[in-house]
Amino acid sequence: MNEPVIEERFEEFLKGENLKMTPQRRRVFEKAFDVHEHFSVERMYEWLKAEEGPDVSRATVYRTLEVLERGGFIEAVETGRGEVVYEHILGHEHHDHMVCRVCGTIAEFQDEEIEALQRKNAEKLGFIMTGHMLRLSGICGDCAKKLRAEGTLDATLESL
């Protein structure tokens, strides 16, 4: 799905919410679909502040990302460290996340066996699944290696 089609859908969604596509909302929307990484409200604000264009406040970034999420254009991922990051999802295949609770790294993965088990369990319970998010939290390989070398892996695991 290309960005003009997504932008048209977003404008239609905004109308349904009695909102307008302001220059500031357009900048947030465009940046969200230009980047191919997870980003926080603060990171988005920094990117927009560094670029030319109409000024965009943190509050506008926050509210626009909230609207994009509500409309199903982006998805929020809890990092488990008190931070929420976003990614655009339209035009991308479904994937799940592994989030490191030490450094915040997010690894994406796809596994058809996990997907099949989720569908099977939903069907068994008569549940009509319309979507899902799977987030595994733990410690990434790099952090685990470092913590082992420091002798603090067990203490870190207990504190999480």
N, C-alpha and C. Protein backbone atom coordinates (compact mmCIF):
# COMPACT_ATOMS: atom_id res chain seq x y z
N MET A 1 0.86 -1.17 0.00
CA MET A 1 0.00 0.00 0.00
C MET A 1 0.91 1.23 0.00
N ASN A 2 0.60 2.17 -0.89
CA ASN A 2 1.49 3.33 -0.96
C ASN A 2 0.97 4.49 -0.11
N GLU A 3 1.88 5.43 0.16
CA GLU A 3 1.57 6.52 1.10
C GLU A 3 0.38 7.38 0.67
N PRO A 4 0.23 7.73 -0.63
CA PRO A 4 -0.96 8.55 -0.99
C PRO A 4 -2.28 7.86 -0.64
N VAL A 5 -2.35 6.55 -0.80
CA VAL A 5 -3.57 5.82 -0.46
C VAL A 5 -3.78 5.85 1.05
N ILE A 6 -2.69 5.66 1.79
CA ILE A 6 -2.78 5.69 3.25
C ILE A 6 -3.17 7.08 3.72
N GLU A 7 -2.59 8.11 3.09
CA GLU A 7 -2.92 9.48 3.47
C GLU A 7 -4.39 9.79 3.21
N GLU A 8 -4.90 9.29 2.10
CA GLU A 8 -6.32 9.49 1.78
C GLU A 8 -7.20 8.82 2.84
N ARG A 9 -6.82 7.61 3.24
CA ARG A 9 -7.55 6.91 4.31
C ARG A 9 -7.50 7.69 5.62
N PHE A 10 -6.31 8.25 5.91
CA PHE A 10 -6.15 9.03 7.14
C PHE A 10 -7.04 10.25 7.11
N GLU A 11 -7.09 10.95 5.98
CA GLU A 11 -7.95 12.13 5.86
C GLU A 11 -9.42 11.75 6.06
N GLU A 12 -9.82 10.61 5.51
CA GLU A 12 -11.20 10.14 5.70
C GLU A 12 -11.45 9.81 7.17
N PHE A 13 -10.48 9.19 7.81
CA PHE A 13 -10.62 8.87 9.23
C PHE A 13 -10.75 10.15 10.05
N LEU A 14 -9.91 11.15 9.74
CA LEU A 14 -9.98 12.43 10.45
C LEU A 14 -11.37 13.05 10.31
N LYS A 15 -11.93 13.04 9.12
CA LYS A 15 -13.27 13.60 8.90
C LYS A 15 -14.29 12.89 9.79
N GLY A 16 -14.17 11.57 9.88
CA GLY A 16 -15.07 10.80 10.73
C GLY A 16 -14.92 11.14 12.21
N GLU A 17 -13.76 11.66 12.57
CA GLU A 17 -13.49 12.07 13.95
C GLU A 17 -13.73 13.57 14.14
N ASN A 18 -14.27 14.22 13.10
CA ASN A 18 -14.49 15.68 13.10
C ASN A 18 -13.18 16.46 13.32
N LEU A 19 -12.12 15.97 12.67
CA LEU A 19 -10.82 16.63 12.74
C LEU A 19 -10.38 16.99 11.32
N LYS A 20 -9.45 17.92 11.22
CA LYS A 20 -8.94 18.34 9.91
C LYS A 20 -7.49 17.92 9.77
N MET A 21 -7.06 17.79 8.51
CA MET A 21 -5.66 17.50 8.22
C MET A 21 -4.91 18.83 8.23
N THR A 22 -4.39 19.19 9.38
CA THR A 22 -3.63 20.42 9.51
C THR A 22 -2.22 20.19 8.99
N PRO A 23 -1.48 21.25 8.70
CA PRO A 23 -0.09 21.07 8.27
C PRO A 23 0.74 20.32 9.32
N GLN A 24 0.45 20.55 10.59
CA GLN A 24 1.18 19.87 11.65
C GLN A 24 0.86 18.37 11.67
N ARG A 25 -0.41 18.03 11.56
CA ARG A 25 -0.79 16.60 11.51
C ARG A 25 -0.18 15.93 10.29
N ARG A 26 -0.17 16.64 9.17
CA ARG A 26 0.41 16.08 7.94
C ARG A 26 1.89 15.76 8.16
N ARG A 27 2.62 16.65 8.83
CA ARG A 27 4.04 16.42 9.08
C ARG A 27 4.25 15.17 9.93
N VAL A 28 3.45 15.03 10.99
CA VAL A 28 3.57 13.85 11.85
C VAL A 28 3.24 12.60 11.05
N PHE A 29 2.16 12.64 10.30
CA PHE A 29 1.75 11.50 9.47
C PHE A 29 2.86 11.11 8.50
N GLU A 30 3.37 12.09 7.76
CA GLU A 30 4.40 11.81 6.76
C GLU A 30 5.65 11.23 7.38
N LYS A 31 6.08 11.77 8.51
CA LYS A 31 7.28 11.27 9.17
C LYS A 31 7.06 9.85 9.67
N ALA A 32 5.88 9.59 10.23
CA ALA A 32 5.59 8.25 10.74
C ALA A 32 5.69 7.20 9.64
N PHE A 33 5.34 7.57 8.41
CA PHE A 33 5.40 6.62 7.30
C PHE A 33 6.70 6.70 6.52
N ASP A 34 7.52 7.70 6.79
CA ASP A 34 8.84 7.80 6.15
C ASP A 34 9.88 6.94 6.86
N VAL A 35 9.71 6.75 8.16
CA VAL A 35 10.72 6.01 8.93
C VAL A 35 10.34 4.53 9.00
N HIS A 36 11.35 3.72 9.09
CA HIS A 36 11.13 2.27 9.17
C HIS A 36 11.79 1.73 10.43
N GLU A 37 11.45 2.37 11.53
CA GLU A 37 11.96 1.97 12.84
C GLU A 37 10.93 2.35 13.89
N HIS A 38 11.09 1.81 15.07
CA HIS A 38 10.22 2.17 16.18
C HIS A 38 10.63 3.55 16.68
N PHE A 39 9.64 4.35 17.08
CA PHE A 39 9.94 5.71 17.54
C PHE A 39 9.01 6.10 18.67
N SER A 40 9.54 6.92 19.57
CA SER A 40 8.76 7.43 20.69
C SER A 40 8.17 8.79 20.30
N VAL A 41 7.29 9.31 21.13
CA VAL A 41 6.76 10.66 20.93
C VAL A 41 7.92 11.64 20.90
N GLU A 42 8.84 11.49 21.85
CA GLU A 42 9.98 12.41 21.94
C GLU A 42 10.86 12.34 20.71
N ARG A 43 11.11 11.14 20.22
CA ARG A 43 11.95 10.99 19.01
C ARG A 43 11.27 11.65 17.81
N MET A 44 9.97 11.43 17.67
CA MET A 44 9.22 12.05 16.58
C MET A 44 9.32 13.57 16.68
N TYR A 45 9.14 14.09 17.88
CA TYR A 45 9.24 15.54 18.10
C TYR A 45 10.63 16.06 17.70
N GLU A 46 11.67 15.35 18.09
CA GLU A 46 13.04 15.74 17.73
C GLU A 46 13.25 15.76 16.22
N TRP A 47 12.76 14.72 15.54
CA TRP A 47 12.90 14.66 14.09
C TRP A 47 12.22 15.87 13.44
N LEU A 48 10.99 16.15 13.85
CA LEU A 48 10.24 17.24 13.24
C LEU A 48 10.86 18.59 13.56
N LYS A 49 11.37 18.74 14.76
CA LYS A 49 12.02 19.98 15.16
C LYS A 49 13.27 20.25 14.32
N ALA A 50 13.98 19.17 13.94
CA ALA A 50 15.21 19.30 13.17
C ALA A 50 14.96 19.58 11.68
N GLU A 51 13.74 19.32 11.23
CA GLU A 51 13.41 19.52 9.81
C GLU A 51 12.68 20.84 9.62
N GLU A 52 12.68 21.31 8.40
CA GLU A 52 11.93 22.52 8.08
C GLU A 52 10.46 22.18 7.92
N GLY A 53 9.63 23.18 8.20
CA GLY A 53 8.20 23.01 8.06
C GLY A 53 7.49 23.70 9.20
N PRO A 54 6.16 23.65 9.19
CA PRO A 54 5.39 24.28 10.27
C PRO A 54 5.80 23.70 11.63
N ASP A 55 5.88 24.57 12.64
CA ASP A 55 6.22 24.11 13.99
C ASP A 55 5.17 23.13 14.48
N VAL A 56 5.65 22.09 15.15
CA VAL A 56 4.78 21.06 15.71
C VAL A 56 5.14 20.91 17.19
N SER A 57 4.16 21.06 18.05
CA SER A 57 4.40 20.92 19.49
C SER A 57 4.42 19.45 19.89
N ARG A 58 4.99 19.19 21.06
CA ARG A 58 4.97 17.83 21.60
C ARG A 58 3.53 17.35 21.76
N ALA A 59 2.67 18.25 22.22
CA ALA A 59 1.26 17.88 22.43
C ALA A 59 0.61 17.46 21.11
N THR A 60 0.93 18.17 20.03
CA THR A 60 0.37 17.81 18.72
C THR A 60 0.92 16.46 18.26
N VAL A 61 2.20 16.22 18.50
CA VAL A 61 2.79 14.92 18.15
C VAL A 61 2.05 13.83 18.93
N TYR A 62 1.91 14.01 20.22
CA TYR A 62 1.24 13.01 21.06
C TYR A 62 -0.19 12.75 20.58
N ARG A 63 -0.95 13.84 20.38
CA ARG A 63 -2.35 13.68 19.97
C ARG A 63 -2.47 13.05 18.58
N THR A 64 -1.59 13.44 17.66
CA THR A 64 -1.66 12.89 16.31
C THR A 64 -1.30 11.42 16.30
N LEU A 65 -0.29 11.03 17.07
CA LEU A 65 0.05 9.61 17.15
C LEU A 65 -1.10 8.82 17.77
N GLU A 66 -1.76 9.41 18.73
CA GLU A 66 -2.93 8.76 19.35
C GLU A 66 -4.03 8.54 18.31
N VAL A 67 -4.27 9.54 17.47
CA VAL A 67 -5.29 9.43 16.42
C VAL A 67 -4.87 8.38 15.39
N LEU A 68 -3.58 8.39 14.99
CA LEU A 68 -3.08 7.40 14.04
C LEU A 68 -3.23 5.98 14.60
N GLU A 69 -2.99 5.83 15.89
CA GLU A 69 -3.14 4.51 16.50
C GLU A 69 -4.60 4.10 16.55
N ARG A 70 -5.46 5.01 16.96
CA ARG A 70 -6.90 4.72 17.04
C ARG A 70 -7.45 4.31 15.68
N GLY A 71 -6.91 4.90 14.62
CA GLY A 71 -7.37 4.59 13.27
C GLY A 71 -6.73 3.35 12.67
N GLY A 72 -5.80 2.73 13.38
CA GLY A 72 -5.17 1.52 12.88
C GLY A 72 -4.06 1.78 11.87
N PHE A 73 -3.48 2.96 11.88
CA PHE A 73 -2.40 3.31 10.95
C PHE A 73 -1.03 2.99 11.55
N ILE A 74 -0.92 3.12 12.87
CA ILE A 74 0.31 2.80 13.57
C ILE A 74 -0.05 1.92 14.76
N GLU A 75 0.95 1.31 15.33
CA GLU A 75 0.73 0.44 16.48
C GLU A 75 1.71 0.83 17.58
N ALA A 76 1.24 0.80 18.81
CA ALA A 76 2.09 1.10 19.96
C ALA A 76 2.68 -0.20 20.50
N VAL A 77 3.93 -0.12 20.93
CA VAL A 77 4.61 -1.25 21.54
C VAL A 77 5.14 -0.79 22.89
N GLU A 78 4.68 -1.45 23.96
CA GLU A 78 5.18 -1.15 25.31
C GLU A 78 6.56 -1.76 25.44
N THR A 79 7.51 -0.97 25.88
CA THR A 79 8.88 -1.48 26.01
C THR A 79 9.12 -2.19 27.34
N GLY A 80 8.21 -2.03 28.28
CA GLY A 80 8.41 -2.63 29.60
C GLY A 80 9.35 -1.79 30.46
N ARG A 81 9.77 -0.65 29.94
CA ARG A 81 10.67 0.24 30.68
C ARG A 81 10.02 1.60 30.88
N GLY A 82 8.68 1.62 30.82
CA GLY A 82 7.95 2.88 31.02
C GLY A 82 7.88 3.73 29.77
N GLU A 83 8.19 3.16 28.63
CA GLU A 83 8.16 3.91 27.38
C GLU A 83 7.29 3.18 26.37
N VAL A 84 6.61 3.96 25.56
CA VAL A 84 5.82 3.41 24.46
C VAL A 84 6.49 3.88 23.17
N VAL A 85 6.66 2.96 22.23
CA VAL A 85 7.17 3.32 20.92
C VAL A 85 6.14 2.91 19.88
N TYR A 86 6.25 3.51 18.71
CA TYR A 86 5.27 3.29 17.64
C TYR A 86 5.97 2.81 16.39
N GLU A 87 5.17 2.21 15.52
CA GLU A 87 5.62 1.86 14.17
C GLU A 87 4.40 1.87 13.27
N HIS A 88 4.62 2.21 11.99
CA HIS A 88 3.48 2.16 11.08
C HIS A 88 3.27 0.71 10.66
N ILE A 89 2.01 0.36 10.47
CA ILE A 89 1.69 -1.04 10.21
C ILE A 89 1.01 -1.27 8.87
N LEU A 90 0.43 -0.24 8.29
CA LEU A 90 -0.21 -0.43 6.99
C LEU A 90 0.86 -0.66 5.93
N GLY A 91 0.63 -1.67 5.10
CA GLY A 91 1.60 -1.98 4.05
C GLY A 91 2.73 -2.87 4.53
N HIS A 92 2.65 -3.35 5.78
CA HIS A 92 3.67 -4.24 6.33
C HIS A 92 3.03 -5.55 6.76
N GLU A 93 3.77 -6.63 6.61
CA GLU A 93 3.27 -7.92 7.09
C GLU A 93 3.26 -7.92 8.61
N HIS A 94 2.32 -8.67 9.16
CA HIS A 94 2.24 -8.79 10.61
C HIS A 94 3.53 -9.39 11.16
N HIS A 95 3.94 -8.90 12.32
CA HIS A 95 5.10 -9.45 13.01
C HIS A 95 4.92 -9.23 14.51
N ASP A 96 5.71 -9.92 15.28
CA ASP A 96 5.66 -9.81 16.72
C ASP A 96 6.98 -9.22 17.21
N HIS A 97 7.06 -8.96 18.52
CA HIS A 97 8.22 -8.26 19.07
C HIS A 97 8.82 -8.96 20.27
N MET A 98 10.15 -8.87 20.37
CA MET A 98 10.89 -9.24 21.58
C MET A 98 11.54 -7.95 22.06
N VAL A 99 11.27 -7.58 23.32
CA VAL A 99 11.74 -6.30 23.85
C VAL A 99 12.70 -6.55 25.01
N CYS A 100 13.90 -5.98 24.89
CA CYS A 100 14.90 -6.11 25.96
C CYS A 100 14.57 -5.11 27.06
N ARG A 101 14.41 -5.60 28.28
CA ARG A 101 14.07 -4.73 29.41
C ARG A 101 15.28 -4.02 29.99
N VAL A 102 16.47 -4.33 29.47
CA VAL A 102 17.68 -3.67 29.94
C VAL A 102 18.02 -2.49 29.03
N CYS A 103 18.16 -2.75 27.72
CA CYS A 103 18.59 -1.69 26.80
C CYS A 103 17.46 -1.13 25.95
N GLY A 104 16.29 -1.80 25.93
CA GLY A 104 15.16 -1.30 25.16
C GLY A 104 15.13 -1.74 23.70
N THR A 105 16.11 -2.52 23.27
CA THR A 105 16.14 -3.00 21.89
C THR A 105 14.87 -3.79 21.59
N ILE A 106 14.34 -3.58 20.39
CA ILE A 106 13.15 -4.31 19.95
C ILE A 106 13.53 -5.14 18.74
N ALA A 107 13.37 -6.45 18.85
CA ALA A 107 13.61 -7.35 17.73
C ALA A 107 12.26 -7.81 17.20
N GLU A 108 12.11 -7.78 15.89
CA GLU A 108 10.87 -8.23 15.26
C GLU A 108 11.05 -9.67 14.76
N PHE A 109 9.98 -10.45 14.84
CA PHE A 109 10.04 -11.82 14.33
C PHE A 109 8.68 -12.26 13.83
N GLN A 110 8.70 -13.25 12.97
CA GLN A 110 7.48 -13.88 12.46
C GLN A 110 7.64 -15.39 12.63
N ASP A 111 6.58 -16.04 13.07
CA ASP A 111 6.62 -17.48 13.25
C ASP A 111 5.23 -18.04 12.96
N GLU A 112 5.11 -18.75 11.86
CA GLU A 112 3.82 -19.28 11.44
C GLU A 112 3.26 -20.29 12.44
N GLU A 113 4.12 -21.02 13.14
CA GLU A 113 3.63 -21.97 14.14
C GLU A 113 2.92 -21.24 15.28
N ILE A 114 3.49 -20.13 15.73
CA ILE A 114 2.84 -19.33 16.78
C ILE A 114 1.52 -18.78 16.28
N GLU A 115 1.52 -18.28 15.05
CA GLU A 115 0.28 -17.74 14.46
C GLU A 115 -0.80 -18.81 14.40
N ALA A 116 -0.41 -20.02 13.97
CA ALA A 116 -1.38 -21.12 13.86
C ALA A 116 -1.92 -21.50 15.24
N LEU A 117 -1.06 -21.54 16.25
CA LEU A 117 -1.52 -21.85 17.61
C LEU A 117 -2.50 -20.80 18.13
N GLN A 118 -2.25 -19.56 17.83
CA GLN A 118 -3.17 -18.50 18.27
C GLN A 118 -4.53 -18.66 17.59
N ARG A 119 -4.52 -18.91 16.28
CA ARG A 119 -5.78 -19.11 15.56
C ARG A 119 -6.52 -20.33 16.10
N LYS A 120 -5.78 -21.43 16.37
CA LYS A 120 -6.38 -22.66 16.88
C LYS A 120 -7.03 -22.42 18.24
N ASN A 121 -6.33 -21.73 19.13
CA ASN A 121 -6.88 -21.46 20.45
C ASN A 121 -8.07 -20.51 20.40
N ALA A 122 -8.01 -19.53 19.54
CA ALA A 122 -9.16 -18.63 19.39
C ALA A 122 -10.37 -19.41 18.91
N GLU A 123 -10.17 -20.25 17.90
CA GLU A 123 -11.26 -21.05 17.34
C GLU A 123 -11.85 -21.99 18.40
N LYS A 124 -10.98 -22.62 19.19
CA LYS A 124 -11.41 -23.55 20.23
C LYS A 124 -12.35 -22.87 21.23
N LEU A 125 -12.09 -21.59 21.50
CA LEU A 125 -12.90 -20.84 22.45
C LEU A 125 -14.06 -20.09 21.79
N GLY A 126 -14.21 -20.27 20.47
CA GLY A 126 -15.26 -19.56 19.76
C GLY A 126 -14.98 -18.07 19.63
N PHE A 127 -13.74 -17.72 19.76
CA PHE A 127 -13.32 -16.31 19.70
C PHE A 127 -13.01 -15.94 18.27
N ILE A 128 -13.58 -14.84 17.82
CA ILE A 128 -13.32 -14.35 16.47
C ILE A 128 -12.19 -13.33 16.56
N MET A 129 -11.01 -13.75 16.16
CA MET A 129 -9.83 -12.90 16.28
C MET A 129 -9.78 -11.93 15.10
N THR A 130 -9.63 -10.66 15.42
CA THR A 130 -9.52 -9.64 14.38
C THR A 130 -8.11 -9.07 14.29
N GLY A 131 -7.26 -9.46 15.21
CA GLY A 131 -5.88 -9.01 15.21
C GLY A 131 -5.26 -9.37 16.54
N HIS A 132 -3.96 -9.20 16.62
CA HIS A 132 -3.29 -9.47 17.89
C HIS A 132 -1.91 -8.84 17.89
N MET A 133 -1.37 -8.72 19.11
CA MET A 133 0.00 -8.26 19.31
C MET A 133 0.65 -9.23 20.28
N LEU A 134 1.81 -9.71 19.92
CA LEU A 134 2.57 -10.57 20.83
C LEU A 134 3.88 -9.86 21.13
N ARG A 135 4.13 -9.65 22.43
CA ARG A 135 5.37 -8.98 22.85
C ARG A 135 6.01 -9.84 23.91
N LEU A 136 7.20 -10.33 23.59
CA LEU A 136 7.98 -11.08 24.56
C LEU A 136 8.94 -10.10 25.22
N SER A 137 9.00 -10.12 26.52
CA SER A 137 9.94 -9.23 27.21
C SER A 137 10.98 -10.08 27.92
N GLY A 138 12.18 -9.54 27.96
CA GLY A 138 13.28 -10.26 28.60
C GLY A 138 14.57 -9.51 28.43
N ILE A 139 15.65 -10.25 28.23
CA ILE A 139 16.97 -9.65 28.09
C ILE A 139 17.57 -10.13 26.77
N CYS A 140 17.99 -9.18 25.94
CA CYS A 140 18.56 -9.54 24.64
C CYS A 140 19.92 -10.24 24.83
N GLY A 141 20.38 -10.88 23.79
CA GLY A 141 21.64 -11.62 23.83
C GLY A 141 22.83 -10.76 24.22
N ASP A 142 22.90 -9.54 23.68
CA ASP A 142 24.03 -8.66 24.00
C ASP A 142 24.05 -8.29 25.48
N CYS A 143 22.89 -7.91 25.99
CA CYS A 143 22.82 -7.53 27.41
C CYS A 143 23.08 -8.73 28.31
N ALA A 144 22.54 -9.91 27.94
CA ALA A 144 22.76 -11.11 28.73
C ALA A 144 24.25 -11.43 28.80
N LYS A 145 24.94 -11.31 27.67
CA LYS A 145 26.38 -11.58 27.62
C LYS A 145 27.14 -10.62 28.54
N LYS A 146 26.78 -9.34 28.46
CA LYS A 146 27.44 -8.32 29.29
C LYS A 146 27.17 -8.57 30.78
N LEU A 147 25.91 -8.87 31.11
CA LEU A 147 25.54 -9.10 32.51
C LEU A 147 26.21 -10.36 33.06
N ARG A 148 26.33 -11.40 32.22
CA ARG A 148 27.04 -12.62 32.65
C ARG A 148 28.49 -12.30 32.97
N ALA A 149 29.11 -11.52 32.07
CA ALA A 149 30.52 -11.16 32.26
C ALA A 149 30.71 -10.35 33.54
N GLU A 150 29.73 -9.53 33.87
CA GLU A 150 29.79 -8.72 35.10
C GLU A 150 29.38 -9.52 36.33
N GLY A 151 28.78 -10.69 36.10
CA GLY A 151 28.29 -11.50 37.22
C GLY A 151 27.00 -10.99 37.81
N THR A 152 26.24 -10.20 37.05
CA THR A 152 25.02 -9.60 37.58
C THR A 152 23.75 -10.07 36.88
N LEU A 153 23.86 -11.11 36.04
CA LEU A 153 22.67 -11.57 35.30
C LEU A 153 21.56 -12.04 36.24
N ASP A 154 21.89 -12.88 37.21
CA ASP A 154 20.86 -13.40 38.13
C ASP A 154 20.17 -12.27 38.90
N ALA A 155 20.95 -11.32 39.39
CA ALA A 155 20.37 -10.19 40.14
C ALA A 155 19.48 -9.36 39.24
N THR A 156 19.89 -9.17 38.00
CA THR A 156 19.09 -8.39 37.05
C THR A 156 17.78 -9.11 36.76
N LEU A 157 17.84 -10.41 36.55
CA LEU A 157 16.62 -11.19 36.29
C LEU A 157 15.67 -11.10 37.47
N GLU A 158 16.17 -11.16 38.67
CA GLU A 158 15.33 -11.07 39.87
C GLU A 158 14.69 -9.70 39.98
N SER A 159 15.38 -8.65 39.53
CA SER A 159 14.84 -7.29 39.65
C SER A 159 13.79 -6.99 38.59
N LEU A 160 13.77 -7.78 37.56
CA LEU A 160 12.77 -7.57 36.50
C LEU A 160 11.51 -8.27 36.88
